[in-house]
Amino acid sequence: MLEKPSENEEEYFTRQEIERRRKLSQEREASMAEQERERARALHFMKCPKCGTQLEEITFESVRIDKCFGCEGFWLDKGEIETLRSKEPGYLERLRGVFQA
């Protein structure tokens, strides 16, 4: 004959089951969030944040600049502004001259 579980045992197993399901739910949400980030990245990768046109990477004296030929904007990645600051005087004027429409 099977014994009926005590209230403490039943409560313990119920809490365990709830915690297991909570963890599974969090893992599913994290996976979906990661998938959504990757989908958004793929949709927006190398797209102009201003007008949505495909960006073209242009290298000028070892600095890679993402140029939009739709709105004529240009974008710098992390660390590139510091690279520009370290260049010799007059560099920014030359750069502006190259990118002027």
PDB file of N, CA and C in Angstrom:
ATOM      1  N   MET A   1       0.832  -1.175   0.000  1.00  0.00           N
ATOM      2  CA  MET A   1       0.000   0.000   0.000  1.00  0.00           C
ATOM      3  C   MET A   1       0.882   1.246   0.000  1.00  0.00           C
ATOM      4  N   LEU A   2       0.542   2.228  -0.868  1.00  0.00           N
ATOM      5  CA  LEU A   2       1.317   3.453  -0.967  1.00  0.00           C
ATOM      6  C   LEU A   2       0.888   4.446   0.099  1.00  0.00           C
ATOM      7  N   GLU A   3       1.898   5.054   0.678  1.00  0.00           N
ATOM      8  CA  GLU A   3       1.608   6.075   1.675  1.00  0.00           C
ATOM      9  C   GLU A   3       1.346   7.402   0.997  1.00  0.00           C
ATOM     10  N   LYS A   4       0.451   8.147   1.563  1.00  0.00           N
ATOM     11  CA  LYS A   4       0.187   9.495   1.073  1.00  0.00           C
ATOM     12  C   LYS A   4       1.356  10.374   1.495  1.00  0.00           C
ATOM     13  N   PRO A   5       1.904  11.199   0.553  1.00  0.00           N
ATOM     14  CA  PRO A   5       3.016  12.058   0.934  1.00  0.00           C
ATOM     15  C   PRO A   5       2.582  13.065   1.985  1.00  0.00           C
ATOM     16  N   SER A   6       3.497  13.369   2.872  1.00  0.00           N
ATOM     17  CA  SER A   6       3.186  14.358   3.892  1.00  0.00           C
ATOM     18  C   SER A   6       3.059  15.733   3.236  1.00  0.00           C
ATOM     19  N   GLU A   7       2.445  16.658   3.930  1.00  0.00           N
ATOM     20  CA  GLU A   7       2.274  18.004   3.388  1.00  0.00           C
ATOM     21  C   GLU A   7       3.623  18.642   3.091  1.00  0.00           C
ATOM     22  N   ASN A   8       4.598  18.376   3.945  1.00  0.00           N
ATOM     23  CA  ASN A   8       5.935  18.952   3.726  1.00  0.00           C
ATOM     24  C   ASN A   8       6.567  18.404   2.459  1.00  0.00           C
ATOM     25  N   GLU A   9       6.420  17.115   2.217  1.00  0.00           N
ATOM     26  CA  GLU A   9       6.983  16.514   1.002  1.00  0.00           C
ATOM     27  C   GLU A   9       6.284  17.057  -0.241  1.00  0.00           C
ATOM     28  N   GLU A  10       4.965  17.116  -0.173  1.00  0.00           N
ATOM     29  CA  GLU A  10       4.202  17.617  -1.311  1.00  0.00           C
ATOM     30  C   GLU A  10       4.574  19.074  -1.604  1.00  0.00           C
ATOM     31  N   GLU A  11       4.692  19.857  -0.571  1.00  0.00           N
ATOM     32  CA  GLU A  11       5.087  21.262  -0.731  1.00  0.00           C
ATOM     33  C   GLU A  11       6.486  21.361  -1.328  1.00  0.00           C
ATOM     34  N   TYR A  12       7.386  20.531  -0.843  1.00  0.00           N
ATOM     35  CA  TYR A  12       8.767  20.529  -1.354  1.00  0.00           C
ATOM     36  C   TYR A  12       8.791  20.208  -2.848  1.00  0.00           C
ATOM     37  N   PHE A  13       8.101  19.141  -3.260  1.00  0.00           N
ATOM     38  CA  PHE A  13       8.109  18.740  -4.663  1.00  0.00           C
ATOM     39  C   PHE A  13       7.398  19.764  -5.555  1.00  0.00           C
ATOM     40  N   THR A  14       6.350  20.359  -5.023  1.00  0.00           N
ATOM     41  CA  THR A  14       5.663  21.407  -5.780  1.00  0.00           C
ATOM     42  C   THR A  14       6.590  22.603  -5.984  1.00  0.00           C
ATOM     43  N   ARG A  15       7.284  23.005  -4.953  1.00  0.00           N
ATOM     44  CA  ARG A  15       8.249  24.114  -5.085  1.00  0.00           C
ATOM     45  C   ARG A  15       9.351  23.764  -6.088  1.00  0.00           C
ATOM     46  N   GLN A  16       9.836  22.541  -6.052  1.00  0.00           N
ATOM     47  CA  GLN A  16      10.864  22.085  -6.989  1.00  0.00           C
ATOM     48  C   GLN A  16      10.350  22.174  -8.428  1.00  0.00           C
ATOM     49  N   GLU A  17       9.119  21.709  -8.635  1.00  0.00           N
ATOM     50  CA  GLU A  17       8.531  21.737  -9.974  1.00  0.00           C
ATOM     51  C   GLU A  17       8.336  23.178 -10.457  1.00  0.00           C
ATOM     52  N   ILE A  18       7.879  24.036  -9.590  1.00  0.00           N
ATOM     53  CA  ILE A  18       7.695  25.446  -9.950  1.00  0.00           C
ATOM     54  C   ILE A  18       9.036  26.074 -10.315  1.00  0.00           C
ATOM     55  N   GLU A  19      10.042  25.800  -9.536  1.00  0.00           N
ATOM     56  CA  GLU A  19      11.372  26.356  -9.812  1.00  0.00           C
ATOM     57  C   GLU A  19      11.923  25.819 -11.140  1.00  0.00           C
ATOM     58  N   ARG A  20      11.719  24.536 -11.404  1.00  0.00           N
ATOM     59  CA  ARG A  20      12.167  23.936 -12.667  1.00  0.00           C
ATOM     60  C   ARG A  20      11.485  24.621 -13.847  1.00  0.00           C
ATOM     61  N   ARG A  21      10.179  24.824 -13.742  1.00  0.00           N
ATOM     62  CA  ARG A  21       9.434  25.464 -14.829  1.00  0.00           C
ATOM     63  C   ARG A  21       9.826  26.936 -14.988  1.00  0.00           C
ATOM     64  N   ARG A  22      10.078  27.619 -13.881  1.00  0.00           N
ATOM     65  CA  ARG A  22      10.520  29.001 -13.946  1.00  0.00           C
ATOM     66  C   ARG A  22      11.852  29.100 -14.690  1.00  0.00           C
ATOM     67  N   LYS A  23      12.758  28.204 -14.372  1.00  0.00           N
ATOM     68  CA  LYS A  23      14.068  28.193 -15.016  1.00  0.00           C
ATOM     69  C   LYS A  23      13.939  27.911 -16.517  1.00  0.00           C
ATOM     70  N   LEU A  24      13.107  26.952 -16.888  1.00  0.00           N
ATOM     71  CA  LEU A  24      12.874  26.648 -18.301  1.00  0.00           C
ATOM     72  C   LEU A  24      12.302  27.864 -19.032  1.00  0.00           C
ATOM     73  N   SER A  25      11.377  28.530 -18.387  1.00  0.00           N
ATOM     74  CA  SER A  25      10.771  29.715 -18.986  1.00  0.00           C
ATOM     75  C   SER A  25      11.813  30.812 -19.205  1.00  0.00           C
ATOM     76  N   GLN A  26      12.668  31.034 -18.222  1.00  0.00           N
ATOM     77  CA  GLN A  26      13.725  32.040 -18.348  1.00  0.00           C
ATOM     78  C   GLN A  26      14.705  31.672 -19.462  1.00  0.00           C
ATOM     79  N   GLU A  27      15.033  30.397 -19.578  1.00  0.00           N
ATOM     80  CA  GLU A  27      15.930  29.951 -20.644  1.00  0.00           C
ATOM     81  C   GLU A  27      15.299  30.167 -22.019  1.00  0.00           C
ATOM     82  N   ARG A  28      14.007  29.876 -22.134  1.00  0.00           N
ATOM     83  CA  ARG A  28      13.295  30.110 -23.406  1.00  0.00           C
ATOM     84  C   ARG A  28      13.293  31.589 -23.753  1.00  0.00           C
ATOM     85  N   GLU A  29      13.005  32.440 -22.772  1.00  0.00           N
ATOM     86  CA  GLU A  29      12.998  33.889 -23.000  1.00  0.00           C
ATOM     87  C   GLU A  29      14.375  34.390 -23.416  1.00  0.00           C
ATOM     88  N   ALA A  30      15.421  33.907 -22.758  1.00  0.00           N
ATOM     89  CA  ALA A  30      16.782  34.319 -23.107  1.00  0.00           C
ATOM     90  C   ALA A  30      17.125  33.887 -24.524  1.00  0.00           C
ATOM     91  N   SER A  31      16.730  32.687 -24.886  1.00  0.00           N
ATOM     92  CA  SER A  31      16.990  32.191 -26.233  1.00  0.00           C
ATOM     93  C   SER A  31      16.245  33.027 -27.265  1.00  0.00           C
ATOM     94  N   MET A  32      14.995  33.338 -26.989  1.00  0.00           N
ATOM     95  CA  MET A  32      14.210  34.150 -27.912  1.00  0.00           C
ATOM     96  C   MET A  32      14.796  35.556 -28.018  1.00  0.00           C
ATOM     97  N   ALA A  33      15.246  36.114 -26.913  1.00  0.00           N
ATOM     98  CA  ALA A  33      15.842  37.450 -26.931  1.00  0.00           C
ATOM     99  C   ALA A  33      17.117  37.443 -27.769  1.00  0.00           C
ATOM    100  N   GLU A  34      17.930  36.416 -27.628  1.00  0.00           N
ATOM    101  CA  GLU A  34      19.164  36.299 -28.408  1.00  0.00           C
ATOM    102  C   GLU A  34      18.834  36.161 -29.897  1.00  0.00           C
ATOM    103  N   GLN A  35      17.844  35.346 -30.212  1.00  0.00           N
ATOM    104  CA  GLN A  35      17.430  35.175 -31.608  1.00  0.00           C
ATOM    105  C   GLN A  35      16.915  36.494 -32.181  1.00  0.00           C
ATOM    106  N   GLU A  36      16.165  37.242 -31.384  1.00  0.00           N
ATOM    107  CA  GLU A  36      15.636  38.524 -31.840  1.00  0.00           C
ATOM    108  C   GLU A  36      16.761  39.526 -32.072  1.00  0.00           C
ATOM    109  N   ARG A  37      17.757  39.540 -31.179  1.00  0.00           N
ATOM    110  CA  ARG A  37      18.918  40.428 -31.363  1.00  0.00           C
ATOM    111  C   ARG A  37      19.663  40.085 -32.645  1.00  0.00           C
ATOM    112  N   GLU A  38      19.844  38.800 -32.893  1.00  0.00           N
ATOM    113  CA  GLU A  38      20.540  38.384 -34.117  1.00  0.00           C
ATOM    114  C   GLU A  38      19.734  38.740 -35.361  1.00  0.00           C
ATOM    115  N   ARG A  39      18.421  38.580 -35.291  1.00  0.00           N
ATOM    116  CA  ARG A  39      17.563  38.926 -36.422  1.00  0.00           C
ATOM    117  C   ARG A  39      17.629  40.437 -36.690  1.00  0.00           C
ATOM    118  N   ALA A  40      17.547  41.233 -35.640  1.00  0.00           N
ATOM    119  CA  ALA A  40      17.621  42.690 -35.794  1.00  0.00           C
ATOM    120  C   ALA A  40      18.985  43.102 -36.331  1.00  0.00           C
ATOM    121  N   ARG A  41      20.036  42.470 -35.842  1.00  0.00           N
ATOM    122  CA  ARG A  41      21.388  42.787 -36.316  1.00  0.00           C
ATOM    123  C   ARG A  41      21.509  42.469 -37.802  1.00  0.00           C
ATOM    124  N   ALA A  42      20.990  41.325 -38.207  1.00  0.00           N
ATOM    125  CA  ALA A  42      21.063  40.948 -39.617  1.00  0.00           C
ATOM    126  C   ALA A  42      20.276  41.918 -40.492  1.00  0.00           C
ATOM    127  N   LEU A  43      19.128  42.380 -39.992  1.00  0.00           N
ATOM    128  CA  LEU A  43      18.321  43.324 -40.760  1.00  0.00           C
ATOM    129  C   LEU A  43      18.980  44.692 -40.880  1.00  0.00           C
ATOM    130  N   HIS A  44      19.709  45.099 -39.830  1.00  0.00           N
ATOM    131  CA  HIS A  44      20.242  46.455 -39.778  1.00  0.00           C
ATOM    132  C   HIS A  44      21.744  46.557 -40.006  1.00  0.00           C
ATOM    133  N   PHE A  45      22.416  45.436 -40.172  1.00  0.00           N
ATOM    134  CA  PHE A  45      23.866  45.458 -40.324  1.00  0.00           C
ATOM    135  C   PHE A  45      24.262  46.265 -41.546  1.00  0.00           C
ATOM    136  N   MET A  46      25.152  47.222 -41.341  1.00  0.00           N
ATOM    137  CA  MET A  46      25.674  48.103 -42.382  1.00  0.00           C
ATOM    138  C   MET A  46      24.560  48.886 -43.077  1.00  0.00           C
ATOM    139  N   LYS A  47      23.541  49.262 -42.316  1.00  0.00           N
ATOM    140  CA  LYS A  47      22.487  50.136 -42.816  1.00  0.00           C
ATOM    141  C   LYS A  47      22.639  51.483 -42.115  1.00  0.00           C
ATOM    142  N   CYS A  48      22.404  52.551 -42.849  1.00  0.00           N
ATOM    143  CA  CYS A  48      22.501  53.896 -42.298  1.00  0.00           C
ATOM    144  C   CYS A  48      21.445  54.077 -41.217  1.00  0.00           C
ATOM    145  N   PRO A  49      21.844  54.521 -40.026  1.00  0.00           N
ATOM    146  CA  PRO A  49      20.847  54.729 -38.970  1.00  0.00           C
ATOM    147  C   PRO A  49      19.927  55.910 -39.250  1.00  0.00           C
ATOM    148  N   LYS A  50      20.303  56.770 -40.182  1.00  0.00           N
ATOM    149  CA  LYS A  50      19.489  57.941 -40.491  1.00  0.00           C
ATOM    150  C   LYS A  50      18.464  57.644 -41.585  1.00  0.00           C
ATOM    151  N   CYS A  51      18.890  57.037 -42.704  1.00  0.00           N
ATOM    152  CA  CYS A  51      17.970  56.858 -43.828  1.00  0.00           C
ATOM    153  C   CYS A  51      17.767  55.400 -44.238  1.00  0.00           C
ATOM    154  N   GLY A  52      18.555  54.471 -43.698  1.00  0.00           N
ATOM    155  CA  GLY A  52      18.368  53.055 -43.977  1.00  0.00           C
ATOM    156  C   GLY A  52      19.090  52.517 -45.198  1.00  0.00           C
ATOM    157  N   THR A  53      19.791  53.377 -45.930  1.00  0.00           N
ATOM    158  CA  THR A  53      20.535  52.952 -47.116  1.00  0.00           C
ATOM    159  C   THR A  53      21.727  52.084 -46.693  1.00  0.00           C
ATOM    160  N   GLN A  54      22.132  51.182 -47.567  1.00  0.00           N
ATOM    161  CA  GLN A  54      23.295  50.338 -47.299  1.00  0.00           C
ATOM    162  C   GLN A  54      24.543  51.208 -47.147  1.00  0.00           C
ATOM    163  N   LEU A  55      25.304  50.997 -46.083  1.00  0.00           N
ATOM    164  CA  LEU A  55      26.552  51.729 -45.876  1.00  0.00           C
ATOM    165  C   LEU A  55      27.681  51.082 -46.667  1.00  0.00           C
ATOM    166  N   GLU A  56      28.597  51.883 -47.122  1.00  0.00           N
ATOM    167  CA  GLU A  56      29.788  51.414 -47.822  1.00  0.00           C
ATOM    168  C   GLU A  56      30.993  51.752 -46.957  1.00  0.00           C
ATOM    169  N   GLU A  57      31.867  50.777 -46.764  1.00  0.00           N
ATOM    170  CA  GLU A  57      33.063  51.020 -45.954  1.00  0.00           C
ATOM    171  C   GLU A  57      34.171  51.585 -46.842  1.00  0.00           C
ATOM    172  N   ILE A  58      34.670  52.754 -46.465  1.00  0.00           N
ATOM    173  CA  ILE A  58      35.730  53.433 -47.187  1.00  0.00           C
ATOM    174  C   ILE A  58      36.934  53.532 -46.248  1.00  0.00           C
ATOM    175  N   THR A  59      38.106  53.158 -46.742  1.00  0.00           N
ATOM    176  CA  THR A  59      39.320  53.274 -45.939  1.00  0.00           C
ATOM    177  C   THR A  59      40.106  54.477 -46.424  1.00  0.00           C
ATOM    178  N   PHE A  60      40.414  55.360 -45.488  1.00  0.00           N
ATOM    179  CA  PHE A  60      41.210  56.545 -45.790  1.00  0.00           C
ATOM    180  C   PHE A  60      42.345  56.602 -44.788  1.00  0.00           C
ATOM    181  N   GLU A  61      43.548  56.359 -45.264  1.00  0.00           N
ATOM    182  CA  GLU A  61      44.749  56.375 -44.417  1.00  0.00           C
ATOM    183  C   GLU A  61      44.557  55.567 -43.139  1.00  0.00           C
ATOM    184  N   SER A  62      44.192  54.327 -43.281  1.00  0.00           N
ATOM    185  CA  SER A  62      44.046  53.324 -42.217  1.00  0.00           C
ATOM    186  C   SER A  62      42.824  53.528 -41.313  1.00  0.00           C
ATOM    187  N   VAL A  63      41.975  54.496 -41.606  1.00  0.00           N
ATOM    188  CA  VAL A  63      40.739  54.675 -40.847  1.00  0.00           C
ATOM    189  C   VAL A  63      39.593  54.194 -41.721  1.00  0.00           C
ATOM    190  N   ARG A  64      38.808  53.261 -41.199  1.00  0.00           N
ATOM    191  CA  ARG A  64      37.666  52.728 -41.941  1.00  0.00           C
ATOM    192  C   ARG A  64      36.428  53.527 -41.560  1.00  0.00           C
ATOM    193  N   ILE A  65      35.814  54.117 -42.543  1.00  0.00           N
ATOM    194  CA  ILE A  65      34.658  54.970 -42.326  1.00  0.00           C
ATOM    195  C   ILE A  65      33.478  54.363 -43.075  1.00  0.00           C
ATOM    196  N   ASP A  66      32.336  54.274 -42.404  1.00  0.00           N
ATOM    197  CA  ASP A  66      31.123  53.767 -43.031  1.00  0.00           C
ATOM    198  C   ASP A  66      30.392  54.960 -43.637  1.00  0.00           C
ATOM    199  N   LYS A  67      30.291  54.979 -44.954  1.00  0.00           N
ATOM    200  CA  LYS A  67      29.732  56.106 -45.692  1.00  0.00           C
ATOM    201  C   LYS A  67      28.366  55.742 -46.243  1.00  0.00           C
ATOM    202  N   CYS A  68      27.403  56.666 -46.092  1.00  0.00           N
ATOM    203  CA  CYS A  68      26.076  56.512 -46.670  1.00  0.00           C
ATOM    204  C   CYS A  68      25.992  57.430 -47.878  1.00  0.00           C
ATOM    205  N   PHE A  69      25.749  56.852 -49.033  1.00  0.00           N
ATOM    206  CA  PHE A  69      25.613  57.659 -50.238  1.00  0.00           C
ATOM    207  C   PHE A  69      24.167  58.093 -50.443  1.00  0.00           C
ATOM    208  N   GLY A  70      23.275  57.695 -49.533  1.00  0.00           N
ATOM    209  CA  GLY A  70      21.882  58.141 -49.586  1.00  0.00           C
ATOM    210  C   GLY A  70      21.722  59.525 -48.980  1.00  0.00           C
ATOM    211  N   CYS A  71      22.171  59.682 -47.734  1.00  0.00           N
ATOM    212  CA  CYS A  71      22.027  60.967 -47.044  1.00  0.00           C
ATOM    213  C   CYS A  71      23.359  61.696 -46.898  1.00  0.00           C
ATOM    214  N   GLU A  72      24.436  61.089 -47.426  1.00  0.00           N
ATOM    215  CA  GLU A  72      25.791  61.652 -47.391  1.00  0.00           C
ATOM    216  C   GLU A  72      26.393  61.686 -45.990  1.00  0.00           C
ATOM    217  N   GLY A  73      25.818  60.935 -45.054  1.00  0.00           N
ATOM    218  CA  GLY A  73      26.387  60.869 -43.713  1.00  0.00           C
ATOM    219  C   GLY A  73      27.549  59.890 -43.672  1.00  0.00           C
ATOM    220  N   PHE A  74      28.352  59.990 -42.631  1.00  0.00           N
ATOM    221  CA  PHE A  74      29.364  58.961 -42.422  1.00  0.00           C
ATOM    222  C   PHE A  74      29.414  58.626 -40.955  1.00  0.00           C
ATOM    223  N   TRP A  75      29.806  57.384 -40.679  1.00  0.00           N
ATOM    224  CA  TRP A  75      29.701  56.820 -39.337  1.00  0.00           C
ATOM    225  C   TRP A  75      31.021  56.179 -38.961  1.00  0.00           C
ATOM    226  N   LEU A  76      31.357  56.330 -37.702  1.00  0.00           N
ATOM    227  CA  LEU A  76      32.597  55.766 -37.172  1.00  0.00           C
ATOM    228  C   LEU A  76      32.270  54.668 -36.169  1.00  0.00           C
ATOM    229  N   ASP A  77      33.058  53.616 -36.196  1.00  0.00           N
ATOM    230  CA  ASP A  77      32.903  52.545 -35.225  1.00  0.00           C
ATOM    231  C   ASP A  77      33.672  52.899 -33.957  1.00  0.00           C
ATOM    232  N   LYS A  78      33.453  52.105 -32.933  1.00  0.00           N
ATOM    233  CA  LYS A  78      34.116  52.319 -31.646  1.00  0.00           C
ATOM    234  C   LYS A  78      35.629  52.374 -31.835  1.00  0.00           C
ATOM    235  N   GLY A  79      36.245  53.400 -31.270  1.00  0.00           N
ATOM    236  CA  GLY A  79      37.694  53.546 -31.311  1.00  0.00           C
ATOM    237  C   GLY A  79      38.203  54.357 -32.487  1.00  0.00           C
ATOM    238  N   GLU A  80      37.374  54.530 -33.518  1.00  0.00           N
ATOM    239  CA  GLU A  80      37.853  55.250 -34.701  1.00  0.00           C
ATOM    240  C   GLU A  80      37.970  56.750 -34.457  1.00  0.00           C
ATOM    241  N   ILE A  81      37.141  57.310 -33.587  1.00  0.00           N
ATOM    242  CA  ILE A  81      37.261  58.742 -33.290  1.00  0.00           C
ATOM    243  C   ILE A  81      38.588  59.027 -32.595  1.00  0.00           C
ATOM    244  N   GLU A  82      39.028  58.101 -31.734  1.00  0.00           N
ATOM    245  CA  GLU A  82      40.319  58.261 -31.076  1.00  0.00           C
ATOM    246  C   GLU A  82      41.446  58.191 -32.104  1.00  0.00           C
ATOM    247  N   THR A  83      41.286  57.309 -33.089  1.00  0.00           N
ATOM    248  CA  THR A  83      42.280  57.209 -34.158  1.00  0.00           C
ATOM    249  C   THR A  83      42.349  58.525 -34.921  1.00  0.00           C
ATOM    250  N   LEU A  84      41.192  59.114 -35.203  1.00  0.00           N
ATOM    251  CA  LEU A  84      41.175  60.400 -35.904  1.00  0.00           C
ATOM    252  C   LEU A  84      41.847  61.498 -35.085  1.00  0.00           C
ATOM    253  N   ARG A  85      41.610  61.496 -33.798  1.00  0.00           N
ATOM    254  CA  ARG A  85      42.218  62.511 -32.921  1.00  0.00           C
ATOM    255  C   ARG A  85      43.737  62.414 -32.906  1.00  0.00           C
ATOM    256  N   SER A  86      44.253  61.212 -33.090  1.00  0.00           N
ATOM    257  CA  SER A  86      45.701  61.022 -33.006  1.00  0.00           C
ATOM    258  C   SER A  86      46.419  61.371 -34.313  1.00  0.00           C
ATOM    259  N   LYS A  87      45.662  61.649 -35.367  1.00  0.00           N
ATOM    260  CA  LYS A  87      46.271  61.983 -36.661  1.00  0.00           C
ATOM    261  C   LYS A  87      46.883  63.376 -36.622  1.00  0.00           C
ATOM    262  N   GLU A  88      47.720  63.651 -37.617  1.00  0.00           N
ATOM    263  CA  GLU A  88      48.409  64.934 -37.695  1.00  0.00           C
ATOM    264  C   GLU A  88      47.421  66.073 -37.972  1.00  0.00           C
ATOM    265  N   PRO A  89      47.818  67.313 -37.644  1.00  0.00           N
ATOM    266  CA  PRO A  89      46.956  68.461 -37.927  1.00  0.00           C
ATOM    267  C   PRO A  89      46.629  68.520 -39.427  1.00  0.00           C
ATOM    268  N   GLY A  90      45.423  68.897 -39.731  1.00  0.00           N
ATOM    269  CA  GLY A  90      44.991  68.989 -41.116  1.00  0.00           C
ATOM    270  C   GLY A  90      44.351  67.723 -41.646  1.00  0.00           C
ATOM    271  N   TYR A  91      44.449  66.635 -40.902  1.00  0.00           N
ATOM    272  CA  TYR A  91      43.897  65.365 -41.356  1.00  0.00           C
ATOM    273  C   TYR A  91      42.383  65.459 -41.545  1.00  0.00           C
ATOM    274  N   LEU A  92      41.690  66.053 -40.570  1.00  0.00           N
ATOM    275  CA  LEU A  92      40.235  66.139 -40.666  1.00  0.00           C
ATOM    276  C   LEU A  92      39.797  66.977 -41.862  1.00  0.00           C
ATOM    277  N   GLU A  93      40.545  68.021 -42.179  1.00  0.00           N
ATOM    278  CA  GLU A  93      40.201  68.832 -43.358  1.00  0.00           C
ATOM    279  C   GLU A  93      40.367  68.003 -44.634  1.00  0.00           C
ATOM    280  N   ARG A  94      41.436  67.230 -44.702  1.00  0.00           N
ATOM    281  CA  ARG A  94      41.631  66.359 -45.875  1.00  0.00           C
ATOM    282  C   ARG A  94      40.530  65.316 -45.967  1.00  0.00           C
ATOM    283  N   LEU A  95      40.150  64.761 -44.819  1.00  0.00           N
ATOM    284  CA  LEU A  95      39.086  63.777 -44.778  1.00  0.00           C
ATOM    285  C   LEU A  95      37.771  64.402 -45.240  1.00  0.00           C
ATOM    286  N   ARG A  96      37.475  65.591 -44.763  1.00  0.00           N
ATOM    287  CA  ARG A  96      36.258  66.290 -45.157  1.00  0.00           C
ATOM    288  C   ARG A  96      36.270  66.537 -46.664  1.00  0.00           C
ATOM    289  N   GLY A  97      37.402  66.911 -47.214  1.00  0.00           N
ATOM    290  CA  GLY A  97      37.528  67.149 -48.652  1.00  0.00           C
ATOM    291  C   GLY A  97      37.255  65.891 -49.469  1.00  0.00           C
ATOM    292  N   VAL A  98      37.692  64.741 -48.961  1.00  0.00           N
ATOM    293  CA  VAL A  98      37.455  63.480 -49.671  1.00  0.00           C
ATOM    294  C   VAL A  98      35.968  63.150 -49.698  1.00  0.00           C
ATOM    295  N   PHE A  99      35.272  63.416 -48.595  1.00  0.00           N
ATOM    296  CA  PHE A  99      33.870  63.014 -48.468  1.00  0.00           C
ATOM    297  C   PHE A  99      32.879  64.079 -48.908  1.00  0.00           C
ATOM    298  N   GLN A 100      33.343  65.249 -49.267  1.00  0.00           N
ATOM    299  CA  GLN A 100      32.425  66.293 -49.718  1.00  0.00           C
ATOM    300  C   GLN A 100      31.747  65.882 -51.011  1.00  0.00           C
ATOM    301  N   ALA A 101      30.474  66.160 -51.075  1.00  0.00           N
ATOM    302  CA  ALA A 101      29.703  65.791 -52.277  1.00  0.00           C
ATOM    303  C   ALA A 101      29.921  66.810 -53.384  1.00  0.00           C
TER     304      ALA A 101
END
